[in-house]
Amino acid sequence: MARVGTRRAIISWTLLTAAVVLALLYFLRSGEPVYQGKLLTGWLEQFGTNHWSVAHGGDLDRQAEAALQHIGTNAVPIYFQMMTTRGSPIMLKLLTLLPKSWLARFHAPGLMEYRNQIYTRNSLGAYGFVALGEKAKPFVPALIALNSDEDRLHRRLAIFVLSRLGPTASEALPEFIKCLNDPDEPTRDIAATGLGEIHQVPEKSVPILMDFFEKFHKDAYHEMSSHEAIRSIGRFGAQAKPAIPMLIGLLNDPVSDIRDAATNALRCIDPDVAAKAGVQ
């Protein structure tokens, strides 16, 4: 009987928690701005799901970006709330304990699905800032502060937004440099990309990127880090001439992605040197 009582208590708590979560989500969505009959979340989903697709820059992407620009900075508090949403500890515990058959019976998400829902909400909030572009400049300090969050994903998304804002987030230069040593590899790679996107203080940033590249070069596990470093160096154009000898040495690298990145970077930095080095 005790076990039956325990199971009933767990089910009750599950239903109660689900009701609270659904009520909260309804409240958040019902208080969202609406543009052309579509909620803010709908525009964020359209922007986020098309921004990196093969049709990047297509009609759906541009339409959603224009809508989010129209809604403007009024949605910033919502973006921050979405970016920093955390999974309910009670919900996470219950989803860990309950059998899959019970979850299916009550149409409750599984543990992985629930975590994916939180991740999606965090990501959509980040895309809101990306869509704002230059309008997001007043909120750069808050995004920099978010990069000190204890949650790894929140830090990663903060540096991602700052990177995508490019020169608008130029004051985040020290943050990008700091994140090159972050224990989270995707955060490090995004930081390397960000240094190229904001292309500030080349006399400092280019040598740092060269050191970052050397740290991870010839390590297949960190190939993406090396690739991003070279691409960022190339974004500095003629201001990255100190990197030319290193890039020439990479034209025969055994990794095709590294060779391609070095080739493109040389073209951007000095087309004449690239031509003399045999770059077509």
C-alpha atoms as a PDB file:
ATOM      1  CA  MET A   1       0.000   0.000   0.000  1.00  0.00           C
ATOM      2  CA  ALA A   2       2.873   2.335   0.814  1.00  0.00           C
ATOM      3  CA  ARG A   3       4.301   1.922  -2.679  1.00  0.00           C
ATOM      4  CA  VAL A   4       0.897   2.654  -4.234  1.00  0.00           C
ATOM      5  CA  GLY A   5       0.627   5.795  -2.134  1.00  0.00           C
ATOM      6  CA  THR A   6       4.080   6.891  -3.194  1.00  0.00           C
ATOM      7  CA  ARG A   7       3.257   6.381  -6.837  1.00  0.00           C
ATOM      8  CA  ARG A   8       0.060   8.370  -6.500  1.00  0.00           C
ATOM      9  CA  ALA A   9       1.973  11.168  -4.817  1.00  0.00           C
ATOM     10  CA  ILE A  10       4.509  11.212  -7.647  1.00  0.00           C
ATOM     11  CA  ILE A  11       1.770  11.318 -10.256  1.00  0.00           C
ATOM     12  CA  SER A  12       0.037  14.127  -8.392  1.00  0.00           C
ATOM     13  CA  TRP A  13       3.254  16.115  -8.236  1.00  0.00           C
ATOM     14  CA  THR A  14       3.863  15.490 -11.925  1.00  0.00           C
ATOM     15  CA  LEU A  15       0.444  16.740 -12.910  1.00  0.00           C
ATOM     16  CA  LEU A  16       0.724  19.725 -10.596  1.00  0.00           C
ATOM     17  CA  THR A  17       4.159  20.655 -11.938  1.00  0.00           C
ATOM     18  CA  ALA A  18       3.015  20.234 -15.531  1.00  0.00           C
ATOM     19  CA  ALA A  19       0.015  22.459 -14.825  1.00  0.00           C
ATOM     20  CA  VAL A  20       2.232  25.136 -13.314  1.00  0.00           C
ATOM     21  CA  VAL A  21       4.679  24.982 -16.233  1.00  0.00           C
ATOM     22  CA  LEU A  22       1.877  25.178 -18.792  1.00  0.00           C
ATOM     23  CA  ALA A  23       0.289  28.070 -16.937  1.00  0.00           C
ATOM     24  CA  LEU A  24       3.617  29.889 -16.828  1.00  0.00           C
ATOM     25  CA  LEU A  25       4.251  29.336 -20.526  1.00  0.00           C
ATOM     26  CA  TYR A  26       0.722  30.515 -21.324  1.00  0.00           C
ATOM     27  CA  PHE A  27       1.277  33.649 -19.264  1.00  0.00           C
ATOM     28  CA  LEU A  28       4.587  34.399 -20.931  1.00  0.00           C
ATOM     29  CA  ARG A  29       3.231  33.839 -24.412  1.00  0.00           C
ATOM     30  CA  SER A  30      -0.044  35.697 -23.801  1.00  0.00           C
ATOM     31  CA  GLY A  31       1.944  38.751 -22.673  1.00  0.00           C
ATOM     32  CA  GLU A  32       4.123  38.749 -25.790  1.00  0.00           C
ATOM     33  CA  PRO A  33       4.051  41.489 -28.424  1.00  0.00           C
ATOM     34  CA  VAL A  34       2.107  40.659 -31.562  1.00  0.00           C
ATOM     35  CA  TYR A  35       2.999  41.772 -35.079  1.00  0.00           C
ATOM     36  CA  GLN A  36       0.843  41.051 -38.124  1.00  0.00           C
ATOM     37  CA  GLY A  37      -1.201  38.603 -36.060  1.00  0.00           C
ATOM     38  CA  LYS A  38       1.782  36.488 -34.994  1.00  0.00           C
ATOM     39  CA  LEU A  39       3.234  36.282 -31.494  1.00  0.00           C
ATOM     40  CA  LEU A  40       6.841  37.253 -30.853  1.00  0.00           C
ATOM     41  CA  THR A  41       7.750  33.597 -30.243  1.00  0.00           C
ATOM     42  CA  GLY A  42       6.397  32.695 -33.664  1.00  0.00           C
ATOM     43  CA  TRP A  43       8.657  35.260 -35.340  1.00  0.00           C
ATOM     44  CA  LEU A  44      11.635  34.071 -33.304  1.00  0.00           C
ATOM     45  CA  GLU A  45      10.985  30.489 -34.369  1.00  0.00           C
ATOM     46  CA  GLN A  46      10.745  31.542 -38.006  1.00  0.00           C
ATOM     47  CA  PHE A  47      13.993  33.520 -37.763  1.00  0.00           C
ATOM     48  CA  GLY A  48      15.863  30.859 -35.806  1.00  0.00           C
ATOM     49  CA  THR A  49      14.862  27.952 -38.033  1.00  0.00           C
ATOM     50  CA  ASN A  50      15.744  29.773 -41.266  1.00  0.00           C
ATOM     51  CA  HIS A  51      18.760  31.808 -40.209  1.00  0.00           C
ATOM     52  CA  TRP A  52      21.221  28.931 -40.699  1.00  0.00           C
ATOM     53  CA  SER A  53      19.371  26.980 -43.371  1.00  0.00           C
ATOM     54  CA  VAL A  54      20.491  26.502 -46.958  1.00  0.00           C
ATOM     55  CA  ALA A  55      18.099  29.324 -47.783  1.00  0.00           C
ATOM     56  CA  HIS A  56      19.915  31.685 -45.384  1.00  0.00           C
ATOM     57  CA  GLY A  57      18.992  35.225 -46.308  1.00  0.00           C
ATOM     58  CA  GLY A  58      15.820  34.025 -48.031  1.00  0.00           C
ATOM     59  CA  ASP A  59      12.352  35.427 -47.773  1.00  0.00           C
ATOM     60  CA  LEU A  60      11.358  33.720 -44.502  1.00  0.00           C
ATOM     61  CA  ASP A  61      14.568  34.843 -42.810  1.00  0.00           C
ATOM     62  CA  ARG A  62      14.211  38.452 -43.964  1.00  0.00           C
ATOM     63  CA  GLN A  63      10.500  38.565 -43.159  1.00  0.00           C
ATOM     64  CA  ALA A  64      11.090  37.401 -39.580  1.00  0.00           C
ATOM     65  CA  GLU A  65      14.037  39.755 -39.101  1.00  0.00           C
ATOM     66  CA  ALA A  66      11.942  42.709 -40.311  1.00  0.00           C
ATOM     67  CA  ALA A  67       9.141  41.751 -37.901  1.00  0.00           C
ATOM     68  CA  LEU A  68      11.547  41.494 -34.958  1.00  0.00           C
ATOM     69  CA  GLN A  69      13.091  44.832 -35.925  1.00  0.00           C
ATOM     70  CA  HIS A  70       9.594  46.346 -35.952  1.00  0.00           C
ATOM     71  CA  ILE A  71       8.815  44.961 -32.484  1.00  0.00           C
ATOM     72  CA  GLY A  72      12.150  46.441 -31.464  1.00  0.00           C
ATOM     73  CA  THR A  73      13.676  46.820 -28.028  1.00  0.00           C
ATOM     74  CA  ASN A  74      10.305  46.462 -26.273  1.00  0.00           C
ATOM     75  CA  ALA A  75      10.952  42.719 -26.428  1.00  0.00           C
ATOM     76  CA  VAL A  76      14.392  42.885 -24.782  1.00  0.00           C
ATOM     77  CA  PRO A  77      13.143  41.885 -21.287  1.00  0.00           C
ATOM     78  CA  ILE A  78      11.507  38.847 -22.885  1.00  0.00           C
ATOM     79  CA  TYR A  79      14.720  37.953 -24.718  1.00  0.00           C
ATOM     80  CA  PHE A  80      16.700  38.061 -21.490  1.00  0.00           C
ATOM     81  CA  GLN A  81      14.065  35.984 -19.718  1.00  0.00           C
ATOM     82  CA  MET A  82      14.133  33.411 -22.503  1.00  0.00           C
ATOM     83  CA  MET A  83      17.942  33.270 -22.624  1.00  0.00           C
ATOM     84  CA  THR A  84      18.165  32.653 -18.881  1.00  0.00           C
ATOM     85  CA  THR A  85      15.264  30.199 -18.484  1.00  0.00           C
ATOM     86  CA  ARG A  86      16.326  27.181 -16.432  1.00  0.00           C
ATOM     87  CA  GLY A  87      14.726  23.793 -16.091  1.00  0.00           C
ATOM     88  CA  SER A  88      12.545  23.335 -13.022  1.00  0.00           C
ATOM     89  CA  PRO A  89      14.510  21.208 -10.492  1.00  0.00           C
ATOM     90  CA  ILE A  90      11.270  19.493  -9.441  1.00  0.00           C
ATOM     91  CA  MET A  91      10.353  18.726 -13.053  1.00  0.00           C
ATOM     92  CA  LEU A  92      13.829  17.403 -13.805  1.00  0.00           C
ATOM     93  CA  LYS A  93      13.708  15.159 -10.756  1.00  0.00           C
ATOM     94  CA  LEU A  94      10.269  13.799 -11.562  1.00  0.00           C
ATOM     95  CA  LEU A  95      11.141  13.148 -15.196  1.00  0.00           C
ATOM     96  CA  THR A  96      14.179  11.218 -14.004  1.00  0.00           C
ATOM     97  CA  LEU A  97      12.121   9.035 -11.638  1.00  0.00           C
ATOM     98  CA  LEU A  98       8.972   8.348 -13.623  1.00  0.00           C
ATOM     99  CA  PRO A  99       8.788   5.390 -16.059  1.00  0.00           C
ATOM    100  CA  LYS A 100       8.406   6.225 -19.757  1.00  0.00           C
ATOM    101  CA  SER A 101       5.032   4.500 -19.814  1.00  0.00           C
ATOM    102  CA  TRP A 102       3.682   6.953 -17.238  1.00  0.00           C
ATOM    103  CA  LEU A 103       5.079   9.924 -19.152  1.00  0.00           C
ATOM    104  CA  ALA A 104       3.369   8.697 -22.304  1.00  0.00           C
ATOM    105  CA  ARG A 105       0.084   8.157 -20.429  1.00  0.00           C
ATOM    106  CA  PHE A 106       0.014  11.758 -19.211  1.00  0.00           C
ATOM    107  CA  HIS A 107       1.497  13.204 -22.434  1.00  0.00           C
ATOM    108  CA  ALA A 108       4.423  14.568 -20.453  1.00  0.00           C
ATOM    109  CA  PRO A 109       7.793  15.233 -22.140  1.00  0.00           C
ATOM    110  CA  GLY A 110      10.690  12.896 -21.486  1.00  0.00           C
ATOM    111  CA  LEU A 111      13.776  14.205 -19.716  1.00  0.00           C
ATOM    112  CA  MET A 112      15.676  14.816 -22.959  1.00  0.00           C
ATOM    113  CA  GLU A 113      12.685  16.452 -24.602  1.00  0.00           C
ATOM    114  CA  TYR A 114      12.195  18.751 -21.620  1.00  0.00           C
ATOM    115  CA  ARG A 115      15.850  19.777 -21.705  1.00  0.00           C
ATOM    116  CA  ASN A 116      15.582  20.395 -25.445  1.00  0.00           C
ATOM    117  CA  GLN A 117      12.593  22.636 -24.825  1.00  0.00           C
ATOM    118  CA  ILE A 118      14.621  24.728 -22.390  1.00  0.00           C
ATOM    119  CA  TYR A 119      17.544  24.821 -24.836  1.00  0.00           C
ATOM    120  CA  THR A 120      15.242  25.955 -27.641  1.00  0.00           C
ATOM    121  CA  ARG A 121      13.786  28.722 -25.486  1.00  0.00           C
ATOM    122  CA  ASN A 122      17.286  29.885 -24.508  1.00  0.00           C
ATOM    123  CA  SER A 123      18.363  29.896 -28.153  1.00  0.00           C
ATOM    124  CA  LEU A 124      15.317  31.787 -29.406  1.00  0.00           C
ATOM    125  CA  GLY A 125      15.995  34.535 -26.886  1.00  0.00           C
ATOM    126  CA  ALA A 126      19.523  34.826 -28.275  1.00  0.00           C
ATOM    127  CA  TYR A 127      18.193  35.069 -31.829  1.00  0.00           C
ATOM    128  CA  GLY A 128      16.036  37.979 -30.744  1.00  0.00           C
ATOM    129  CA  PHE A 129      19.154  40.007 -29.941  1.00  0.00           C
ATOM    130  CA  VAL A 130      20.819  38.907 -33.177  1.00  0.00           C
ATOM    131  CA  ALA A 131      17.821  40.172 -35.150  1.00  0.00           C
ATOM    132  CA  LEU A 132      17.978  43.544 -33.374  1.00  0.00           C
ATOM    133  CA  GLY A 133      21.445  44.217 -34.772  1.00  0.00           C
ATOM    134  CA  GLU A 134      22.643  47.735 -33.992  1.00  0.00           C
ATOM    135  CA  LYS A 135      19.560  48.349 -31.841  1.00  0.00           C
ATOM    136  CA  ALA A 136      21.045  45.876 -29.339  1.00  0.00           C
ATOM    137  CA  LYS A 137      24.046  48.094 -28.573  1.00  0.00           C
ATOM    138  CA  PRO A 138      22.620  49.527 -25.282  1.00  0.00           C
ATOM    139  CA  PHE A 139      22.274  45.962 -23.988  1.00  0.00           C
ATOM    140  CA  VAL A 140      25.821  44.810 -24.752  1.00  0.00           C
ATOM    141  CA  PRO A 141      26.967  45.388 -21.118  1.00  0.00           C
ATOM    142  CA  ALA A 142      24.145  43.149 -19.865  1.00  0.00           C
ATOM    143  CA  LEU A 143      25.097  40.465 -22.385  1.00  0.00           C
ATOM    144  CA  ILE A 144      28.718  40.707 -21.247  1.00  0.00           C
ATOM    145  CA  ALA A 145      27.552  40.243 -17.649  1.00  0.00           C
ATOM    146  CA  LEU A 146      25.533  37.201 -18.701  1.00  0.00           C
ATOM    147  CA  ASN A 147      28.749  35.622 -19.918  1.00  0.00           C
ATOM    148  CA  SER A 148      29.662  35.139 -16.246  1.00  0.00           C
ATOM    149  CA  ASP A 149      26.550  33.031 -15.646  1.00  0.00           C
ATOM    150  CA  GLU A 150      27.094  29.688 -13.915  1.00  0.00           C
ATOM    151  CA  ASP A 151      25.172  27.928 -16.673  1.00  0.00           C
ATOM    152  CA  ARG A 152      27.508  26.901 -19.512  1.00  0.00           C
ATOM    153  CA  LEU A 153      24.799  27.237 -22.171  1.00  0.00           C
ATOM    154  CA  HIS A 154      23.889  30.733 -21.028  1.00  0.00           C
ATOM    155  CA  ARG A 155      27.543  31.776 -21.280  1.00  0.00           C
ATOM    156  CA  ARG A 156      27.817  30.220 -24.722  1.00  0.00           C
ATOM    157  CA  LEU A 157      24.704  31.987 -25.992  1.00  0.00           C
ATOM    158  CA  ALA A 158      25.847  35.332 -24.582  1.00  0.00           C
ATOM    159  CA  ILE A 159      29.180  35.171 -26.416  1.00  0.00           C
ATOM    160  CA  PHE A 160      27.335  33.936 -29.525  1.00  0.00           C
ATOM    161  CA  VAL A 161      25.095  37.019 -29.534  1.00  0.00           C
ATOM    162  CA  LEU A 162      28.052  39.340 -28.961  1.00  0.00           C
ATOM    163  CA  SER A 163      29.885  37.677 -31.837  1.00  0.00           C
ATOM    164  CA  ARG A 164      26.930  38.000 -34.212  1.00  0.00           C
ATOM    165  CA  LEU A 165      26.539  41.685 -33.323  1.00  0.00           C
ATOM    166  CA  GLY A 166      30.020  42.321 -34.720  1.00  0.00           C
ATOM    167  CA  PRO A 167      31.353  45.916 -34.390  1.00  0.00           C
ATOM    168  CA  THR A 168      28.195  46.848 -32.469  1.00  0.00           C
ATOM    169  CA  ALA A 169      29.669  44.801 -29.583  1.00  0.00           C
ATOM    170  CA  SER A 170      33.204  46.217 -29.876  1.00  0.00           C
ATOM    171  CA  GLU A 171      33.350  46.851 -26.124  1.00  0.00           C
ATOM    172  CA  ALA A 172      33.193  43.079 -25.632  1.00  0.00           C
ATOM    173  CA  LEU A 173      36.757  42.632 -26.958  1.00  0.00           C
ATOM    174  CA  PRO A 174      38.181  41.714 -23.514  1.00  0.00           C
ATOM    175  CA  GLU A 175      35.363  39.205 -23.110  1.00  0.00           C
ATOM    176  CA  PHE A 176      36.204  37.453 -26.364  1.00  0.00           C
ATOM    177  CA  ILE A 177      39.847  37.223 -25.349  1.00  0.00           C
ATOM    178  CA  LYS A 178      38.904  35.807 -21.962  1.00  0.00           C
ATOM    179  CA  CYS A 179      36.616  33.220 -23.532  1.00  0.00           C
ATOM    180  CA  LEU A 180      39.438  31.837 -25.675  1.00  0.00           C
ATOM    181  CA  ASN A 181      40.409  29.965 -22.499  1.00  0.00           C
ATOM    182  CA  ASP A 182      36.898  28.865 -21.578  1.00  0.00           C
ATOM    183  CA  PRO A 183      36.689  25.154 -20.664  1.00  0.00           C
ATOM    184  CA  ASP A 184      33.728  24.824 -23.061  1.00  0.00           C
ATOM    185  CA  GLU A 185      35.049  24.203 -26.587  1.00  0.00           C
ATOM    186  CA  PRO A 186      32.080  25.722 -28.506  1.00  0.00           C
ATOM    187  CA  THR A 187      32.421  28.876 -26.405  1.00  0.00           C
ATOM    188  CA  ARG A 188      36.125  29.090 -27.296  1.00  0.00           C
ATOM    189  CA  ASP A 189      35.371  28.687 -30.992  1.00  0.00           C
ATOM    190  CA  ILE A 190      32.636  31.326 -30.911  1.00  0.00           C
ATOM    191  CA  ALA A 191      35.032  33.694 -29.131  1.00  0.00           C
ATOM    192  CA  ALA A 192      37.633  33.159 -31.865  1.00  0.00           C
ATOM    193  CA  THR A 193      34.975  33.947 -34.460  1.00  0.00           C
ATOM    194  CA  GLY A 194      33.915  37.004 -32.468  1.00  0.00           C
ATOM    195  CA  LEU A 195      37.387  38.528 -32.536  1.00  0.00           C
ATOM    196  CA  GLY A 196      37.214  38.521 -36.317  1.00  0.00           C
ATOM    197  CA  GLU A 197      33.627  39.764 -36.431  1.00  0.00           C
ATOM    198  CA  ILE A 198      34.357  42.899 -34.383  1.00  0.00           C
ATOM    199  CA  HIS A 199      37.886  43.289 -35.934  1.00  0.00           C
ATOM    200  CA  GLN A 200      39.120  45.703 -33.277  1.00  0.00           C
ATOM    201  CA  VAL A 201      42.706  46.444 -32.175  1.00  0.00           C
ATOM    202  CA  PRO A 202      44.421  44.234 -34.804  1.00  0.00           C
ATOM    203  CA  GLU A 203      47.875  44.696 -33.279  1.00  0.00           C
ATOM    204  CA  LYS A 204      46.554  42.835 -30.236  1.00  0.00           C
ATOM    205  CA  SER A 205      43.858  40.567 -31.675  1.00  0.00           C
ATOM    206  CA  VAL A 206      45.837  39.046 -34.583  1.00  0.00           C
ATOM    207  CA  PRO A 207      48.748  37.766 -32.439  1.00  0.00           C
ATOM    208  CA  ILE A 208      46.236  36.387 -29.931  1.00  0.00           C
ATOM    209  CA  LEU A 209      44.444  34.514 -32.709  1.00  0.00           C
ATOM    210  CA  MET A 210      47.781  33.210 -34.014  1.00  0.00           C
ATOM    211  CA  ASP A 211      48.617  31.880 -30.553  1.00  0.00           C
ATOM    212  CA  PHE A 212      45.143  30.365 -30.282  1.00  0.00           C
ATOM    213  CA  PHE A 213      45.647  28.625 -33.618  1.00  0.00           C
ATOM    214  CA  GLU A 214      49.054  27.231 -32.631  1.00  0.00           C
ATOM    215  CA  LYS A 215      47.574  25.894 -29.402  1.00  0.00           C
ATOM    216  CA  PHE A 216      45.057  23.709 -31.209  1.00  0.00           C
ATOM    217  CA  HIS A 217      46.699  23.062 -34.579  1.00  0.00           C
ATOM    218  CA  LYS A 218      47.482  19.436 -35.429  1.00  0.00           C
ATOM    219  CA  ASP A 219      44.939  18.247 -32.895  1.00  0.00           C
ATOM    220  CA  ALA A 220      42.168  16.614 -34.922  1.00  0.00           C
ATOM    221  CA  TYR A 221      39.778  16.852 -31.986  1.00  0.00           C
ATOM    222  CA  HIS A 222      40.104  20.659 -32.045  1.00  0.00           C
ATOM    223  CA  GLU A 223      40.175  21.169 -35.800  1.00  0.00           C
ATOM    224  CA  MET A 224      37.216  23.562 -35.652  1.00  0.00           C
ATOM    225  CA  SER A 225      39.117  25.835 -33.251  1.00  0.00           C
ATOM    226  CA  SER A 226      42.045  26.071 -35.682  1.00  0.00           C
ATOM    227  CA  HIS A 227      39.728  26.727 -38.607  1.00  0.00           C
ATOM    228  CA  GLU A 228      37.836  29.519 -36.824  1.00  0.00           C
ATOM    229  CA  ALA A 229      41.089  31.203 -35.774  1.00  0.00           C
ATOM    230  CA  ILE A 230      42.335  31.378 -39.378  1.00  0.00           C
ATOM    231  CA  ARG A 231      39.009  32.671 -40.666  1.00  0.00           C
ATOM    232  CA  SER A 232      39.035  35.416 -38.043  1.00  0.00           C
ATOM    233  CA  ILE A 233      42.594  36.402 -38.928  1.00  0.00           C
ATOM    234  CA  GLY A 234      41.493  36.791 -42.549  1.00  0.00           C
ATOM    235  CA  ARG A 235      38.696  39.174 -41.524  1.00  0.00           C
ATOM    236  CA  PHE A 236      41.305  41.725 -40.438  1.00  0.00           C
ATOM    237  CA  GLY A 237      42.404  42.090 -44.049  1.00  0.00           C
ATOM    238  CA  ALA A 238      45.610  44.080 -44.604  1.00  0.00           C
ATOM    239  CA  GLN A 239      45.865  44.659 -40.860  1.00  0.00           C
ATOM    240  CA  ALA A 240      46.751  40.970 -40.394  1.00  0.00           C
ATOM    241  CA  LYS A 241      50.009  41.002 -42.403  1.00  0.00           C
ATOM    242  CA  PRO A 242      52.044  39.623 -39.451  1.00  0.00           C
ATOM    243  CA  ALA A 243      50.153  36.352 -39.975  1.00  0.00           C
ATOM    244  CA  ILE A 244      51.227  35.960 -43.632  1.00  0.00           C
ATOM    245  CA  PRO A 245      54.269  33.678 -43.002  1.00  0.00           C
ATOM    246  CA  MET A 246      52.146  31.359 -40.862  1.00  0.00           C
ATOM    247  CA  LEU A 247      49.395  31.240 -43.477  1.00  0.00           C
ATOM    248  CA  ILE A 248      51.817  30.503 -46.318  1.00  0.00           C
ATOM    249  CA  GLY A 249      53.145  27.599 -44.282  1.00  0.00           C
ATOM    250  CA  LEU A 250      49.599  26.235 -44.025  1.00  0.00           C
ATOM    251  CA  LEU A 251      48.958  26.098 -47.768  1.00  0.00           C
ATOM    252  CA  ASN A 252      50.272  22.529 -47.736  1.00  0.00           C
ATOM    253  CA  ASP A 253      48.596  21.499 -44.492  1.00  0.00           C
ATOM    254  CA  PRO A 254      47.290  17.903 -44.595  1.00  0.00           C
ATOM    255  CA  VAL A 255      43.821  19.075 -43.514  1.00  0.00           C
ATOM    256  CA  SER A 256      41.830  20.444 -46.462  1.00  0.00           C
ATOM    257  CA  ASP A 257      39.710  22.795 -44.317  1.00  0.00           C
ATOM    258  CA  ILE A 258      42.856  24.380 -42.891  1.00  0.00           C
ATOM    259  CA  ARG A 259      44.356  24.770 -46.387  1.00  0.00           C
ATOM    260  CA  ASP A 260      41.152  26.359 -47.667  1.00  0.00           C
ATOM    261  CA  ALA A 261      40.913  28.718 -44.709  1.00  0.00           C
ATOM    262  CA  ALA A 262      44.559  29.782 -45.108  1.00  0.00           C
ATOM    263  CA  THR A 263      44.034  30.322 -48.845  1.00  0.00           C
ATOM    264  CA  ASN A 264      40.998  32.547 -48.285  1.00  0.00           C
ATOM    265  CA  ALA A 265      42.720  34.462 -45.488  1.00  0.00           C
ATOM    266  CA  LEU A 266      45.764  35.184 -47.680  1.00  0.00           C
ATOM    267  CA  ARG A 267      43.528  36.533 -50.426  1.00  0.00           C
ATOM    268  CA  CYS A 268      41.891  38.902 -47.949  1.00  0.00           C
ATOM    269  CA  ILE A 269      45.147  40.066 -46.388  1.00  0.00           C
ATOM    270  CA  ASP A 270      47.359  40.547 -49.467  1.00  0.00           C
ATOM    271  CA  PRO A 271      46.180  39.362 -52.903  1.00  0.00           C
ATOM    272  CA  ASP A 272      49.635  39.929 -54.436  1.00  0.00           C
ATOM    273  CA  VAL A 273      51.383  37.774 -51.828  1.00  0.00           C
ATOM    274  CA  ALA A 274      48.667  35.156 -52.261  1.00  0.00           C
ATOM    275  CA  ALA A 275      49.209  35.086 -56.023  1.00  0.00           C
ATOM    276  CA  LYS A 276      52.982  34.732 -55.626  1.00  0.00           C
ATOM    277  CA  ALA A 277      52.374  31.843 -53.229  1.00  0.00           C
ATOM    278  CA  GLY A 278      50.415  30.075 -55.951  1.00  0.00           C
ATOM    279  CA  VAL A 279      46.937  30.845 -54.644  1.00  0.00           C
ATOM    280  CA  GLN A 280      44.515  30.926 -57.570  1.00  0.00           C
END
